[in-house]
Amino acid sequence: MSVENTEALGDETEVAILHQLVEAGWSVSIPFGDNDKYDLVVDDGDALCRIQCKTAWRNKPETIRFDTHSQTTKDGDYHEATYEGGADAFVVRFPESGQLYWIDVEDATEQKMELRFDAAIEHPSINWATDYEFQPR
């Protein structure tokens, strides 16, 4: 299904993430309203984790990218903000494959983050997609 509306795409991503987390056996709560910097709260049995759901897009043949900041317009003014202190992790869905990636907010870059599938060289600054693949417990 092709989704052109970005809000609808975000809703589709959130539902897909919720489904996979519940299917993996985790308890998931949905905060009331739309004013939090997180979309879901995951209880792994030991701790609660505030999750910001994101949709990745193919940036290059070997990479995907997702936003690590929020963008809003309020009273005609444009605002950007990071999720530092407001969420604990990003769970990122790549719609082409359905694969989820779990990235702690503190490990993410500030504006956008790339996850790489392949590279001609090994470099310490590469964020390998396989390192962040969601692994159900």
Foldseek 3Di string as FASTA:
>chain_A
DDDDDVVVVQVVQVVLVVVVQVVLPWDKDADPDDPAQAGIWTDPPPDIFGEHEWEWEDPDPFKIKTFQWDWDADPNDIDIGGCVVRGQWYWYAYVVVRWTFIGGSVRADGTMHMAGDDDPDDDPVHHHRVVGTDDRD
